[in-house]
C-alpha atoms as a PDB file:
ATOM      1  CA  MET A   1      63.654  60.799-292.123  1.00  0.00           C
ATOM      2  CA  ASP A   2      67.085  59.261-291.576  1.00  0.00           C
ATOM      3  CA  ASP A   3      66.874  59.902-287.831  1.00  0.00           C
ATOM      4  CA  ARG A   4      63.573  58.032-287.639  1.00  0.00           C
ATOM      5  CA  LYS A   5      65.013  55.112-289.609  1.00  0.00           C
ATOM      6  CA  ALA A   6      68.098  54.993-287.388  1.00  0.00           C
ATOM      7  CA  SER A   7      65.897  55.118-284.290  1.00  0.00           C
ATOM      8  CA  ASP A   8      63.725  52.276-285.569  1.00  0.00           C
ATOM      9  CA  GLU A   9      66.805  50.230-286.432  1.00  0.00           C
ATOM     10  CA  ALA A  10      68.314  50.793-282.973  1.00  0.00           C
ATOM     11  CA  ALA A  11      65.038  49.763-281.321  1.00  0.00           C
ATOM     12  CA  ARG A  12      64.858  46.611-283.458  1.00  0.00           C
ATOM     13  CA  ASN A  13      68.459  45.710-282.645  1.00  0.00           C
ATOM     14  CA  ARG A  14      67.854  46.206-278.924  1.00  0.00           C
ATOM     15  CA  TRP A  15      64.717  44.066-279.085  1.00  0.00           C
ATOM     16  CA  MET A  16      66.714  41.332-280.827  1.00  0.00           C
ATOM     17  CA  VAL A  17      69.457  41.495-278.177  1.00  0.00           C
ATOM     18  CA  ILE A  18      66.886  41.119-275.393  1.00  0.00           C
ATOM     19  CA  GLY A  19      65.400  38.112-277.192  1.00  0.00           C
ATOM     20  CA  ALA A  20      68.830  36.569-277.699  1.00  0.00           C
ATOM     21  CA  VAL A  21      69.654  37.017-273.997  1.00  0.00           C
ATOM     22  CA  ARG A  22      66.434  35.224-273.052  1.00  0.00           C
ATOM     23  CA  ILE A  23      67.132  32.353-275.467  1.00  0.00           C
ATOM     24  CA  ALA A  24      70.692  32.018-274.150  1.00  0.00           C
ATOM     25  CA  GLY A  25      69.309  31.967-270.608  1.00  0.00           C
ATOM     26  CA  VAL A  26      66.915  29.145-271.463  1.00  0.00           C
ATOM     27  CA  ALA A  27      69.773  27.199-273.049  1.00  0.00           C
ATOM     28  CA  MET A  28      71.861  27.700-269.907  1.00  0.00           C
ATOM     29  CA  VAL A  29      68.992  26.484-267.722  1.00  0.00           C
ATOM     30  CA  LEU A  30      68.672  23.346-269.836  1.00  0.00           C
ATOM     31  CA  VAL A  31      72.415  22.659-269.692  1.00  0.00           C
ATOM     32  CA  GLY A  32      72.405  23.264-265.938  1.00  0.00           C
ATOM     33  CA  LEU A  33      69.543  20.810-265.473  1.00  0.00           C
ATOM     34  CA  MET A  34      71.333  18.223-267.600  1.00  0.00           C
ATOM     35  CA  ILE A  35      74.448  18.588-265.449  1.00  0.00           C
ATOM     36  CA  VAL A  36      72.448  18.307-262.215  1.00  0.00           C
ATOM     37  CA  ARG A  37      70.714  15.160-263.552  1.00  0.00           C
ATOM     38  CA  GLN A  38      74.175  13.779-264.559  1.00  0.00           C
ATOM     39  CA  VAL A  39      73.304  13.572-268.258  1.00  0.00           C
ATOM     40  CA  ILE A  40      76.458  15.645-268.739  1.00  0.00           C
ATOM     41  CA  PRO A  41      79.208  14.343-266.434  1.00  0.00           C
ATOM     42  CA  GLU A  42      80.211  17.480-264.536  1.00  0.00           C
ATOM     43  CA  PRO A  43      80.081  18.325-260.832  1.00  0.00           C
ATOM     44  CA  ALA A  44      76.641  19.188-259.476  1.00  0.00           C
ATOM     45  CA  TRP A  45      77.816  22.569-258.175  1.00  0.00           C
ATOM     46  CA  ALA A  46      78.642  23.580-261.759  1.00  0.00           C
ATOM     47  CA  GLY A  47      75.137  22.617-262.847  1.00  0.00           C
ATOM     48  CA  TYR A  48      73.521  24.641-260.078  1.00  0.00           C
ATOM     49  CA  THR A  49      75.715  27.634-260.908  1.00  0.00           C
ATOM     50  CA  ILE A  50      74.854  27.486-264.599  1.00  0.00           C
ATOM     51  CA  LEU A  51      71.196  27.031-263.695  1.00  0.00           C
ATOM     52  CA  ALA A  52      71.211  30.128-261.456  1.00  0.00           C
ATOM     53  CA  VAL A  53      72.967  32.260-264.074  1.00  0.00           C
ATOM     54  CA  GLY A  54      70.552  31.047-266.736  1.00  0.00           C
ATOM     55  CA  LEU A  55      67.543  31.954-264.602  1.00  0.00           C
ATOM     56  CA  ALA A  56      68.996  35.415-264.024  1.00  0.00           C
ATOM     57  CA  ASP A  57      69.491  35.754-267.797  1.00  0.00           C
ATOM     58  CA  VAL A  58      65.879  34.858-268.438  1.00  0.00           C
ATOM     59  CA  PHE A  59      64.213  36.972-265.751  1.00  0.00           C
ATOM     60  CA  PHE A  60      66.465  39.855-264.681  1.00  0.00           C
ATOM     61  CA  VAL A  61      68.916  40.779-267.441  1.00  0.00           C
ATOM     62  CA  PRO A  62      66.195  41.699-269.994  1.00  0.00           C
ATOM     63  CA  LEU A  63      64.611  44.011-267.413  1.00  0.00           C
ATOM     64  CA  LEU A  64      67.950  45.672-266.724  1.00  0.00           C
ATOM     65  CA  LEU A  65      68.638  46.118-270.434  1.00  0.00           C
ATOM     66  CA  ALA A  66      65.172  47.566-271.049  1.00  0.00           C
ATOM     67  CA  ARG A  67      65.642  50.013-268.184  1.00  0.00           C
ATOM     68  CA  LYS A  68      69.066  51.014-269.487  1.00  0.00           C
ATOM     69  CA  TRP A  69      67.779  51.525-273.025  1.00  0.00           C
ATOM     70  CA  ARG A  70      64.539  53.275-272.065  1.00  0.00           C
ATOM     71  CA  SER A  71      63.856  56.405-274.060  1.00  0.00           C
ATOM     72  CA  PRO A  72      64.187  59.641-272.119  1.00  0.00           C
ATOM     73  CA  PRO A  73      60.886  61.364-271.332  1.00  0.00           C
ATOM     74  CA  PRO A  74      59.938  64.038-273.884  1.00  0.00           C
END
């Protein structure tokens, strides 16, 4: 029973990490857009870089984490 509980807890924690990565990616995209639009006074190249990293965090990093954490076939 303890193994099942530990497995469920690990799965929940991994799901929460994937969600947190997506939320952080969205925040980075918003900050990048604000820099590009000069709401935040930084160079445009920094905004585009943050925007690209944020998009990768939203679309690609969760897929990589899910693949890494996939359960082995029975």
